Amino acid sequence: MTLHPDILKDRLNESHVSIEELADRIADIFNCPITIEDSNHSLVSYSRHSSNIEILNIRSIPL
């Protein structure tokens, strides 16, 4: 599904309760899991995972 840039902008500009919710919203828009990192490439947040994500990818995310 291709979304018009204005729709993407509107969805991302909606208020968010947490960084986790923002990660989930971005993942929903692009239909894939995502991570959010800071400028030093440290993990800040990651989206919820669908059941088809590889278990090795999940294990590589530090908790």
Protein backbone atom coordinates (compact mmCIF):
# COMPACT_ATOMS: atom_id res chain seq x y z
CA MET A 1 0.00 0.00 0.00
CA THR A 2 1.39 3.39 -1.00
CA LEU A 3 0.39 6.33 1.13
CA HIS A 4 0.37 9.90 -0.06
CA PRO A 5 3.16 11.94 1.62
CA ASP A 6 0.60 14.20 3.33
CA ILE A 7 -1.08 11.16 4.90
CA LEU A 8 2.29 9.88 6.13
CA LYS A 9 3.06 13.31 7.57
CA ASP A 10 -0.31 13.46 9.32
CA ARG A 11 0.09 9.97 10.83
CA LEU A 12 3.57 10.76 12.11
CA ASN A 13 2.54 14.14 13.50
CA GLU A 14 -0.23 12.68 15.65
CA SER A 15 0.60 12.88 19.33
CA HIS A 16 2.35 9.87 20.81
CA VAL A 17 2.30 8.61 24.35
CA SER A 18 5.74 7.00 24.15
CA ILE A 19 8.69 6.32 21.89
CA GLU A 20 7.49 2.70 21.71
CA GLU A 21 4.16 3.86 20.31
CA LEU A 22 5.97 5.97 17.72
CA ALA A 23 8.06 2.93 16.70
CA ASP A 24 4.90 0.84 16.36
CA ARG A 25 3.19 3.54 14.28
CA ILE A 26 6.16 3.78 11.88
CA ALA A 27 6.28 -0.01 11.61
CA ASP A 28 2.56 -0.09 10.82
CA ILE A 29 2.97 2.53 8.10
CA PHE A 30 5.81 0.68 6.39
CA ASN A 31 4.54 -2.80 7.27
CA CYS A 32 7.84 -4.00 8.72
CA PRO A 33 9.59 -4.00 12.10
CA ILE A 34 11.80 -0.99 12.82
CA THR A 35 14.33 0.21 15.37
CA ILE A 36 14.91 3.78 16.49
CA GLU A 37 18.50 4.68 17.29
CA ASP A 38 20.16 7.83 18.61
CA SER A 39 22.96 9.68 16.81
CA ASN A 40 25.50 7.28 18.35
CA HIS A 41 23.61 4.29 16.92
CA SER A 42 22.46 3.15 20.36
CA LEU A 43 19.09 1.48 20.46
CA VAL A 44 16.34 3.77 21.72
CA SER A 45 13.26 1.73 20.86
CA TYR A 46 11.98 -0.98 18.58
CA SER A 47 8.55 -1.82 17.25
CA ARG A 48 6.50 -4.81 18.29
CA HIS A 49 7.27 -7.91 16.30
CA SER A 50 4.99 -9.90 14.07
CA SER A 51 4.96 -13.66 14.41
CA ASN A 52 6.98 -14.14 11.21
CA ILE A 53 10.14 -12.30 12.30
CA GLU A 54 13.23 -14.44 12.57
CA ILE A 55 14.04 -15.52 16.10
CA LEU A 56 17.74 -14.63 15.60
CA ASN A 57 16.78 -11.04 14.82
CA ILE A 58 14.77 -10.83 18.04
CA ARG A 59 17.62 -12.31 20.08
CA SER A 60 20.04 -9.70 18.68
CA ILE A 61 18.07 -6.84 20.26
CA PRO A 62 19.48 -5.98 23.70
CA LEU A 63 16.91 -5.60 26.49
